[in-house]
């Protein structure tokens, strides 16, 4: 993701999340050296470069904290989020991070299932985490990013899903 993507990412963010991140929040995140953001764009000639999804992670000490992932409602369940999560985890492993964490709404079964495919496991709950409805967040972790078994499993998942993360654009 680059600064030129912020307007389009923010439009998508506003459609997906309440309350949404502001444009300034995205711009501020992109300015930080310990952040990784990816954006998935359409290759369709009629809507070329349209943002279909995005995701970001904060890289701290030895862990990657996935802070947001969003995919356009009409493009969900097409593997876009899988590609974005994979890109974030690949970036973390290339930077020698050993674990990853995230929070997800306890009601978001599709996202929980997606994260479980990558090896994330629930470790706790943050009560009243989401400000719009005070819904709890499930805390999920992977603690073996540095192991060859994790990297092999990630590659196998990408092959099974016919995903190529090379087309995702990093900050």
N, C-alpha and C. Protein backbone atom coordinates (compact mmCIF):
# COMPACT_ATOMS: atom_id res chain seq x y z
N UNK A 1 0.86 -1.17 0.00
CA UNK A 1 0.00 0.00 0.00
C UNK A 1 0.90 1.23 0.00
N UNK A 2 0.49 2.25 -0.72
CA UNK A 2 1.22 3.51 -0.73
C UNK A 2 0.26 4.64 -0.35
N UNK A 3 0.81 5.82 -0.15
CA UNK A 3 -0.03 6.97 0.20
C UNK A 3 -1.08 7.24 -0.87
N UNK A 4 -0.77 6.92 -2.12
CA UNK A 4 -1.75 7.14 -3.19
C UNK A 4 -2.96 6.21 -3.08
N UNK A 5 -2.85 5.16 -2.28
CA UNK A 5 -3.97 4.23 -2.08
C UNK A 5 -4.89 4.64 -0.93
N UNK A 6 -4.46 5.58 -0.10
CA UNK A 6 -5.18 5.88 1.14
C UNK A 6 -6.62 6.31 0.89
N UNK A 7 -6.87 7.15 -0.11
CA UNK A 7 -8.25 7.59 -0.36
C UNK A 7 -9.16 6.41 -0.67
N UNK A 8 -8.71 5.52 -1.57
CA UNK A 8 -9.53 4.36 -1.94
C UNK A 8 -9.67 3.37 -0.78
N UNK A 9 -8.60 3.17 -0.03
CA UNK A 9 -8.67 2.28 1.13
C UNK A 9 -9.64 2.85 2.16
N UNK A 10 -9.60 4.16 2.36
CA UNK A 10 -10.50 4.78 3.33
C UNK A 10 -11.96 4.65 2.91
N UNK A 11 -12.25 4.78 1.63
CA UNK A 11 -13.63 4.60 1.15
C UNK A 11 -14.10 3.19 1.49
N UNK A 12 -13.25 2.20 1.22
CA UNK A 12 -13.61 0.81 1.53
C UNK A 12 -13.74 0.62 3.04
N UNK A 13 -12.83 1.18 3.81
CA UNK A 13 -12.87 1.09 5.28
C UNK A 13 -14.21 1.61 5.81
N UNK A 14 -14.68 2.74 5.26
CA UNK A 14 -15.94 3.34 5.73
C UNK A 14 -17.14 2.45 5.42
N UNK A 15 -17.06 1.68 4.35
CA UNK A 15 -18.14 0.76 4.00
C UNK A 15 -18.15 -0.47 4.90
N UNK A 16 -16.98 -0.82 5.43
CA UNK A 16 -16.84 -2.09 6.16
C UNK A 16 -16.91 -1.97 7.67
N UNK A 17 -16.41 -0.88 8.23
CA UNK A 17 -16.21 -0.82 9.68
C UNK A 17 -16.81 0.42 10.31
N UNK A 18 -17.36 0.24 11.49
CA UNK A 18 -17.89 1.33 12.30
C UNK A 18 -17.26 1.24 13.68
N UNK A 19 -16.56 2.21 14.16
CA UNK A 19 -16.12 3.40 13.44
C UNK A 19 -14.93 3.07 12.53
N UNK A 20 -14.84 3.74 11.39
CA UNK A 20 -13.72 3.48 10.48
C UNK A 20 -12.46 4.22 10.92
N UNK A 21 -11.33 3.73 10.46
CA UNK A 21 -10.09 4.48 10.62
C UNK A 21 -10.19 5.72 9.73
N UNK A 22 -9.55 6.79 10.12
CA UNK A 22 -9.50 8.02 9.32
C UNK A 22 -8.37 7.90 8.28
N UNK A 23 -8.41 8.77 7.27
CA UNK A 23 -7.32 8.82 6.30
C UNK A 23 -6.00 9.10 7.00
N UNK A 24 -6.04 9.98 7.99
CA UNK A 24 -4.82 10.33 8.73
C UNK A 24 -4.25 9.11 9.46
N UNK A 25 -5.11 8.28 10.00
CA UNK A 25 -4.62 7.08 10.69
C UNK A 25 -3.86 6.18 9.72
N UNK A 26 -4.42 6.00 8.51
CA UNK A 26 -3.73 5.17 7.51
C UNK A 26 -2.42 5.83 7.09
N UNK A 27 -2.44 7.13 6.84
CA UNK A 27 -1.22 7.85 6.44
C UNK A 27 -0.16 7.77 7.53
N UNK A 28 -0.58 7.95 8.77
CA UNK A 28 0.37 7.86 9.89
C UNK A 28 0.97 6.46 9.99
N UNK A 29 0.15 5.44 9.79
CA UNK A 29 0.65 4.06 9.84
C UNK A 29 1.69 3.82 8.75
N UNK A 30 1.42 4.31 7.54
CA UNK A 30 2.35 4.10 6.43
C UNK A 30 3.69 4.79 6.66
N UNK A 31 3.70 5.82 7.47
CA UNK A 31 4.94 6.56 7.74
C UNK A 31 5.85 5.84 8.74
N UNK A 32 5.34 4.83 9.41
CA UNK A 32 6.11 4.12 10.43
C UNK A 32 6.91 2.97 9.81
N UNK A 33 8.17 2.86 10.19
CA UNK A 33 9.04 1.82 9.63
C UNK A 33 8.65 0.42 10.05
N UNK A 34 7.99 0.28 11.18
CA UNK A 34 7.66 -1.06 11.68
C UNK A 34 6.24 -1.48 11.30
N UNK A 35 5.73 -0.95 10.22
CA UNK A 35 4.41 -1.34 9.73
C UNK A 35 4.54 -1.95 8.34
N UNK A 36 3.68 -2.91 8.05
CA UNK A 36 3.59 -3.52 6.72
C UNK A 36 2.14 -3.47 6.30
N UNK A 37 1.88 -2.90 5.15
CA UNK A 37 0.52 -2.82 4.61
C UNK A 37 0.52 -3.33 3.19
N UNK A 38 -0.52 -4.08 2.87
CA UNK A 38 -0.69 -4.60 1.52
C UNK A 38 -2.07 -4.22 1.02
N UNK A 39 -2.18 -4.03 -0.28
CA UNK A 39 -3.45 -3.72 -0.90
C UNK A 39 -3.63 -4.65 -2.09
N UNK A 40 -4.83 -5.18 -2.26
CA UNK A 40 -5.17 -6.02 -3.41
C UNK A 40 -6.00 -5.16 -4.35
N UNK A 41 -5.58 -5.12 -5.63
CA UNK A 41 -6.26 -4.29 -6.61
C UNK A 41 -6.77 -5.15 -7.76
N UNK A 42 -7.83 -4.66 -8.38
CA UNK A 42 -8.43 -5.35 -9.51
C UNK A 42 -7.49 -5.31 -10.71
N UNK A 43 -7.47 -6.41 -11.46
CA UNK A 43 -6.74 -6.46 -12.72
C UNK A 43 -7.69 -6.36 -13.90
N UNK A 44 -8.98 -6.24 -13.61
CA UNK A 44 -10.00 -6.09 -14.64
C UNK A 44 -9.77 -4.77 -15.37
N UNK A 45 -9.68 -4.79 -16.71
CA UNK A 45 -9.43 -3.54 -17.44
C UNK A 45 -10.52 -2.49 -17.24
N UNK A 46 -11.73 -2.92 -16.91
CA UNK A 46 -12.82 -1.95 -16.69
C UNK A 46 -12.75 -1.29 -15.32
N UNK A 47 -12.05 -1.91 -14.39
CA UNK A 47 -11.94 -1.32 -13.05
C UNK A 47 -10.51 -1.45 -12.55
N UNK A 48 -9.55 -1.31 -13.46
CA UNK A 48 -8.14 -1.51 -13.15
C UNK A 48 -7.72 -0.63 -11.98
N UNK A 49 -6.97 -1.21 -11.08
CA UNK A 49 -6.44 -0.54 -9.89
C UNK A 49 -7.48 -0.26 -8.81
N UNK A 50 -8.71 -0.73 -8.99
CA UNK A 50 -9.71 -0.57 -7.92
C UNK A 50 -9.25 -1.39 -6.72
N UNK A 51 -9.28 -0.77 -5.53
CA UNK A 51 -8.89 -1.48 -4.31
C UNK A 51 -9.98 -2.47 -3.93
N UNK A 52 -9.61 -3.74 -3.85
CA UNK A 52 -10.53 -4.81 -3.47
C UNK A 52 -10.37 -5.20 -2.00
N UNK A 53 -9.18 -4.96 -1.47
CA UNK A 53 -8.92 -5.32 -0.09
C UNK A 53 -7.60 -4.76 0.37
N UNK A 54 -7.39 -4.80 1.68
CA UNK A 54 -6.16 -4.27 2.26
C UNK A 54 -5.95 -4.91 3.63
N UNK A 55 -4.73 -4.82 4.10
CA UNK A 55 -4.43 -5.31 5.44
C UNK A 55 -3.11 -4.78 5.91
N UNK A 56 -2.96 -4.72 7.23
CA UNK A 56 -1.73 -4.18 7.78
C UNK A 56 -1.35 -4.85 9.08
N UNK A 57 -0.07 -4.75 9.39
CA UNK A 57 0.46 -5.32 10.62
C UNK A 57 1.51 -4.39 11.21
N UNK A 58 1.55 -4.36 12.53
CA UNK A 58 2.60 -3.68 13.27
C UNK A 58 3.62 -4.74 13.68
N UNK A 59 4.88 -4.49 13.39
CA UNK A 59 5.95 -5.43 13.72
C UNK A 59 6.70 -4.90 14.93
N UNK A 60 6.58 -5.62 16.04
CA UNK A 60 7.16 -5.15 17.30
C UNK A 60 7.93 -6.28 17.98
N UNK A 61 9.16 -5.99 18.36
CA UNK A 61 10.06 -6.92 19.03
C UNK A 61 10.17 -8.19 18.19
N UNK A 62 9.41 -9.25 18.53
CA UNK A 62 9.47 -10.48 17.76
C UNK A 62 8.10 -10.93 17.26
N UNK A 63 7.13 -10.02 17.31
CA UNK A 63 5.77 -10.42 16.89
C UNK A 63 5.18 -9.45 15.88
N UNK A 64 4.32 -10.00 15.05
CA UNK A 64 3.53 -9.21 14.10
C UNK A 64 2.12 -9.13 14.66
N UNK A 65 1.62 -7.91 14.80
CA UNK A 65 0.24 -7.72 15.27
C UNK A 65 -0.57 -7.25 14.07
N UNK A 66 -1.42 -8.14 13.55
CA UNK A 66 -2.28 -7.78 12.42
C UNK A 66 -3.35 -6.83 12.95
N UNK A 67 -3.33 -5.60 12.45
CA UNK A 67 -4.20 -4.56 13.01
C UNK A 67 -5.47 -4.34 12.20
N UNK A 68 -5.44 -4.64 10.92
CA UNK A 68 -6.68 -4.53 10.15
C UNK A 68 -6.59 -5.30 8.85
N UNK A 69 -7.74 -5.82 8.45
CA UNK A 69 -7.92 -6.50 7.17
C UNK A 69 -9.33 -6.17 6.72
N UNK A 70 -9.46 -5.75 5.48
CA UNK A 70 -10.78 -5.48 4.93
C UNK A 70 -10.85 -5.88 3.48
N UNK A 71 -11.96 -6.46 3.08
CA UNK A 71 -12.20 -6.86 1.69
C UNK A 71 -13.59 -6.39 1.30
N UNK A 72 -13.71 -5.80 0.12
CA UNK A 72 -14.99 -5.32 -0.37
C UNK A 72 -16.04 -6.42 -0.23
N UNK A 73 -17.22 -6.05 0.23
CA UNK A 73 -18.29 -7.03 0.50
C UNK A 73 -18.58 -7.92 -0.70
N UNK A 74 -18.60 -7.34 -1.90
CA UNK A 74 -18.92 -8.13 -3.09
C UNK A 74 -17.73 -8.94 -3.60
N UNK A 75 -16.59 -8.84 -2.94
CA UNK A 75 -15.40 -9.60 -3.34
C UNK A 75 -14.95 -10.58 -2.26
N UNK A 76 -15.76 -10.73 -1.21
CA UNK A 76 -15.40 -11.65 -0.14
C UNK A 76 -15.59 -13.09 -0.59
N UNK A 77 -14.86 -13.98 0.05
CA UNK A 77 -14.88 -15.42 -0.23
C UNK A 77 -14.30 -15.77 -1.61
N UNK A 78 -13.40 -14.90 -2.09
CA UNK A 78 -12.71 -15.15 -3.36
C UNK A 78 -11.21 -15.38 -3.14
N UNK A 79 -10.79 -15.44 -1.89
CA UNK A 79 -9.39 -15.67 -1.59
C UNK A 79 -8.57 -14.41 -1.38
N UNK A 80 -9.20 -13.25 -1.47
CA UNK A 80 -8.45 -11.99 -1.31
C UNK A 80 -7.90 -11.86 0.10
N UNK A 81 -8.74 -12.08 1.10
CA UNK A 81 -8.27 -11.99 2.49
C UNK A 81 -7.19 -13.03 2.77
N UNK A 82 -7.35 -14.22 2.21
CA UNK A 82 -6.33 -15.26 2.38
C UNK A 82 -4.99 -14.77 1.84
N UNK A 83 -5.02 -14.15 0.66
CA UNK A 83 -3.79 -13.62 0.08
C UNK A 83 -3.17 -12.52 0.92
N UNK A 84 -4.02 -11.65 1.47
CA UNK A 84 -3.51 -10.55 2.30
C UNK A 84 -2.89 -11.08 3.59
N UNK A 85 -3.59 -12.00 4.26
CA UNK A 85 -3.03 -12.58 5.49
C UNK A 85 -1.71 -13.29 5.17
N UNK A 86 -1.68 -14.03 4.07
CA UNK A 86 -0.45 -14.72 3.68
C UNK A 86 0.68 -13.73 3.45
N UNK A 87 0.39 -12.64 2.76
CA UNK A 87 1.42 -11.63 2.49
C UNK A 87 1.95 -11.03 3.79
N UNK A 88 1.05 -10.76 4.73
CA UNK A 88 1.47 -10.21 6.02
C UNK A 88 2.35 -11.20 6.78
N UNK A 89 1.97 -12.47 6.77
CA UNK A 89 2.75 -13.48 7.48
C UNK A 89 4.08 -13.76 6.79
N UNK A 90 4.09 -13.74 5.47
CA UNK A 90 5.35 -13.91 4.73
C UNK A 90 6.29 -12.75 5.07
N UNK A 91 5.76 -11.54 5.06
CA UNK A 91 6.57 -10.37 5.41
C UNK A 91 7.15 -10.51 6.82
N UNK A 92 6.33 -10.99 7.75
CA UNK A 92 6.79 -11.17 9.13
C UNK A 92 7.90 -12.23 9.20
N UNK A 93 7.72 -13.34 8.49
CA UNK A 93 8.75 -14.40 8.55
C UNK A 93 10.04 -13.94 7.88
N UNK A 94 9.93 -13.18 6.80
CA UNK A 94 11.12 -12.66 6.13
C UNK A 94 11.89 -11.70 7.03
N UNK A 95 11.18 -11.06 7.94
CA UNK A 95 11.82 -10.14 8.90
C UNK A 95 12.20 -10.86 10.20
N UNK A 96 12.10 -12.20 10.19
CA UNK A 96 12.51 -13.06 11.32
C UNK A 96 11.65 -12.89 12.57
N UNK A 97 10.38 -12.56 12.38
CA UNK A 97 9.46 -12.52 13.51
C UNK A 97 8.99 -13.94 13.79
N UNK A 98 8.75 -14.24 15.06
CA UNK A 98 8.46 -15.61 15.45
C UNK A 98 7.01 -15.86 15.82
N UNK A 99 6.22 -14.79 15.99
CA UNK A 99 4.82 -14.97 16.35
C UNK A 99 3.97 -13.88 15.72
N UNK A 100 2.67 -14.14 15.70
CA UNK A 100 1.72 -13.16 15.17
C UNK A 100 0.45 -13.23 16.01
N UNK A 101 -0.21 -12.11 16.13
CA UNK A 101 -1.44 -12.03 16.90
C UNK A 101 -2.43 -11.12 16.19
N UNK A 102 -3.68 -11.24 16.59
CA UNK A 102 -4.74 -10.38 16.07
C UNK A 102 -5.95 -10.49 16.99
N UNK A 103 -6.87 -9.55 16.82
CA UNK A 103 -8.18 -9.63 17.48
C UNK A 103 -9.23 -9.71 16.39
N UNK A 104 -10.29 -10.45 16.67
CA UNK A 104 -11.39 -10.61 15.72
C UNK A 104 -12.69 -10.67 16.51
N UNK A 105 -13.74 -10.12 15.93
CA UNK A 105 -15.04 -10.18 16.60
C UNK A 105 -15.42 -11.64 16.86
N UNK A 106 -15.94 -11.91 18.04
CA UNK A 106 -16.32 -13.30 18.36
C UNK A 106 -17.42 -13.79 17.43
N UNK A 107 -18.19 -12.89 16.84
CA UNK A 107 -19.27 -13.28 15.94
C UNK A 107 -18.82 -13.49 14.50
N UNK A 108 -17.58 -13.16 14.17
CA UNK A 108 -17.10 -13.22 12.79
C UNK A 108 -16.52 -14.60 12.49
N UNK A 109 -17.42 -15.56 12.31
CA UNK A 109 -17.00 -16.95 12.11
C UNK A 109 -16.16 -17.14 10.86
N UNK A 110 -16.49 -16.41 9.79
CA UNK A 110 -15.72 -16.55 8.55
C UNK A 110 -14.26 -16.15 8.77
N UNK A 111 -14.05 -15.04 9.45
CA UNK A 111 -12.68 -14.58 9.72
C UNK A 111 -11.96 -15.54 10.66
N UNK A 112 -12.65 -16.00 11.68
CA UNK A 112 -12.04 -16.95 12.63
C UNK A 112 -11.61 -18.21 11.89
N UNK A 113 -12.46 -18.71 11.00
CA UNK A 113 -12.11 -19.90 10.20
C UNK A 113 -10.90 -19.63 9.31
N UNK A 114 -10.86 -18.44 8.71
CA UNK A 114 -9.71 -18.07 7.87
C UNK A 114 -8.43 -18.08 8.69
N UNK A 115 -8.44 -17.41 9.82
CA UNK A 115 -7.23 -17.32 10.64
C UNK A 115 -6.81 -18.70 11.16
N UNK A 116 -7.78 -19.55 11.47
CA UNK A 116 -7.48 -20.90 11.93
C UNK A 116 -6.74 -21.68 10.85
N UNK A 117 -7.10 -21.47 9.57
CA UNK A 117 -6.41 -22.15 8.47
C UNK A 117 -4.92 -21.84 8.47
N UNK A 118 -4.56 -20.66 8.92
CA UNK A 118 -3.16 -20.26 8.96
C UNK A 118 -2.45 -20.74 10.22
N UNK A 119 -3.20 -21.30 11.16
CA UNK A 119 -2.60 -21.78 12.39
C UNK A 119 -2.82 -20.90 13.59
N UNK A 120 -3.57 -19.81 13.42
CA UNK A 120 -3.91 -18.98 14.58
C UNK A 120 -4.80 -19.80 15.51
N UNK A 121 -4.57 -19.66 16.80
CA UNK A 121 -5.37 -20.36 17.80
C UNK A 121 -5.88 -19.34 18.82
N UNK A 122 -7.11 -19.53 19.31
CA UNK A 122 -7.63 -18.60 20.32
C UNK A 122 -6.88 -18.76 21.63
N UNK A 123 -6.57 -17.60 22.26
CA UNK A 123 -5.87 -17.64 23.54
C UNK A 123 -6.57 -16.81 24.61
N UNK A 124 -7.60 -16.07 24.23
CA UNK A 124 -8.29 -15.25 25.22
C UNK A 124 -9.34 -14.37 24.58
N UNK A 125 -9.97 -13.56 25.41
CA UNK A 125 -11.04 -12.66 24.96
C UNK A 125 -10.78 -11.28 25.53
N UNK A 126 -10.99 -10.26 24.71
CA UNK A 126 -10.97 -8.87 25.18
C UNK A 126 -12.43 -8.43 25.30
N UNK A 127 -12.93 -8.28 26.52
CA UNK A 127 -14.34 -7.90 26.70
C UNK A 127 -14.62 -6.49 26.17
N UNK A 128 -15.79 -6.35 25.56
CA UNK A 128 -16.28 -5.04 25.10
C UNK A 128 -15.27 -4.30 24.22
N UNK A 129 -14.55 -5.01 23.39
CA UNK A 129 -13.43 -4.45 22.61
C UNK A 129 -13.88 -3.50 21.51
N UNK A 130 -14.98 -3.84 20.85
CA UNK A 130 -15.41 -3.04 19.69
C UNK A 130 -16.36 -1.94 20.14
N UNK A 131 -16.03 -0.68 19.82
CA UNK A 131 -16.80 0.45 20.37
C UNK A 131 -18.21 0.59 19.80
N UNK A 132 -18.46 0.06 18.60
CA UNK A 132 -19.78 0.28 18.00
C UNK A 132 -20.88 -0.49 18.73
N UNK A 133 -20.57 -1.69 19.22
CA UNK A 133 -21.60 -2.47 19.91
C UNK A 133 -21.07 -3.20 21.15
N UNK A 134 -19.85 -2.85 21.55
CA UNK A 134 -19.22 -3.43 22.74
C UNK A 134 -19.05 -4.95 22.64
N UNK A 135 -18.95 -5.44 21.42
CA UNK A 135 -18.74 -6.87 21.22
C UNK A 135 -17.34 -7.27 21.70
N UNK A 136 -17.25 -8.48 22.20
CA UNK A 136 -15.96 -9.01 22.62
C UNK A 136 -15.09 -9.34 21.41
N UNK A 137 -13.78 -9.29 21.63
CA UNK A 137 -12.82 -9.71 20.60
C UNK A 137 -12.15 -11.00 21.05
N UNK A 138 -12.03 -11.93 20.12
CA UNK A 138 -11.27 -13.14 20.36
C UNK A 138 -9.81 -12.83 20.03
N UNK A 139 -8.91 -13.11 20.95
CA UNK A 139 -7.48 -12.92 20.72
C UNK A 139 -6.94 -14.23 20.16
N UNK A 140 -6.24 -14.13 19.02
CA UNK A 140 -5.68 -15.32 18.38
C UNK A 140 -4.18 -15.12 18.17
N UNK A 141 -3.44 -16.24 18.28
CA UNK A 141 -1.98 -16.21 18.16
C UNK A 141 -1.47 -17.35 17.29
N UNK A 142 -0.34 -17.09 16.65
CA UNK A 142 0.53 -18.12 16.08
C UNK A 142 1.88 -17.90 16.75
N UNK A 143 2.49 -18.94 17.24
CA UNK A 143 3.77 -18.76 17.93
C UNK A 143 4.93 -19.49 17.26
N UNK A 144 4.72 -19.97 16.03
CA UNK A 144 5.79 -20.73 15.39
C UNK A 144 6.11 -20.23 13.98
N UNK A 145 6.04 -18.92 13.76
CA UNK A 145 6.30 -18.38 12.43
C UNK A 145 7.69 -18.73 11.91
N UNK A 146 8.65 -18.83 12.80
CA UNK A 146 10.02 -19.08 12.38
C UNK A 146 10.32 -20.52 12.02
N UNK A 147 9.42 -21.42 12.32
CA UNK A 147 9.67 -22.85 12.09
C UNK A 147 9.44 -23.20 10.62
N UNK A 148 10.24 -24.12 10.12
CA UNK A 148 10.12 -24.53 8.73
C UNK A 148 8.75 -25.16 8.46
N UNK A 149 8.18 -25.83 9.47
CA UNK A 149 6.86 -26.45 9.29
C UNK A 149 5.80 -25.39 9.00
N UNK A 150 5.91 -24.23 9.66
CA UNK A 150 4.94 -23.17 9.39
C UNK A 150 5.09 -22.67 7.96
N UNK A 151 6.31 -22.43 7.54
CA UNK A 151 6.55 -21.93 6.19
C UNK A 151 6.08 -22.93 5.14
N UNK A 152 6.32 -24.21 5.38
CA UNK A 152 5.86 -25.25 4.46
C UNK A 152 4.33 -25.29 4.41
N UNK A 153 3.69 -25.18 5.57
CA UNK A 153 2.23 -25.16 5.63
C UNK A 153 1.64 -23.96 4.92
N UNK A 154 2.29 -22.81 5.06
CA UNK A 154 1.84 -21.59 4.39
C UNK A 154 1.94 -21.75 2.88
N UNK A 155 3.05 -22.29 2.41
CA UNK A 155 3.22 -22.53 0.98
C UNK A 155 2.18 -23.51 0.47
N UNK A 156 1.92 -24.57 1.21
CA UNK A 156 0.91 -25.57 0.83
C UNK A 156 -0.47 -24.92 0.73
N UNK A 157 -0.82 -24.07 1.70
CA UNK A 157 -2.11 -23.38 1.68
C UNK A 157 -2.23 -22.49 0.44
N UNK A 158 -1.18 -21.76 0.11
CA UNK A 158 -1.21 -20.89 -1.07
C UNK A 158 -1.40 -21.71 -2.34
N UNK A 159 -0.72 -22.84 -2.43
CA UNK A 159 -0.85 -23.70 -3.61
C UNK A 159 -2.26 -24.27 -3.69
N UNK A 160 -2.78 -24.77 -2.57
CA UNK A 160 -4.13 -25.33 -2.55
C UNK A 160 -5.18 -24.30 -2.94
N UNK A 161 -4.98 -23.06 -2.54
CA UNK A 161 -5.95 -21.99 -2.82
C UNK A 161 -5.68 -21.32 -4.17
N UNK A 162 -4.63 -21.77 -4.87
CA UNK A 162 -4.25 -21.19 -6.16
C UNK A 162 -4.01 -19.69 -6.02
N UNK A 163 -3.30 -19.31 -4.97
CA UNK A 163 -3.06 -17.89 -4.70
C UNK A 163 -1.63 -17.51 -5.04
N UNK A 164 -1.50 -16.32 -5.61
CA UNK A 164 -0.20 -15.73 -5.90
C UNK A 164 -0.16 -14.39 -5.19
N UNK A 165 0.63 -14.30 -4.13
CA UNK A 165 0.68 -13.05 -3.37
C UNK A 165 1.64 -12.05 -3.99
N UNK A 166 2.31 -12.44 -5.07
CA UNK A 166 3.26 -11.52 -5.69
C UNK A 166 2.56 -10.27 -6.23
N UNK A 167 1.29 -10.38 -6.58
CA UNK A 167 0.57 -9.24 -7.13
C UNK A 167 0.12 -8.23 -6.09
N UNK A 168 0.20 -8.60 -4.82
CA UNK A 168 -0.18 -7.65 -3.76
C UNK A 168 0.90 -6.59 -3.65
N UNK A 169 0.46 -5.38 -3.41
CA UNK A 169 1.40 -4.26 -3.36
C UNK A 169 1.67 -3.88 -1.92
N UNK A 170 2.96 -3.91 -1.56
CA UNK A 170 3.37 -3.57 -0.19
C UNK A 170 3.68 -2.09 -0.10
N UNK A 171 3.63 -1.59 1.11
CA UNK A 171 4.01 -0.21 1.42
C UNK A 171 5.43 0.02 0.96
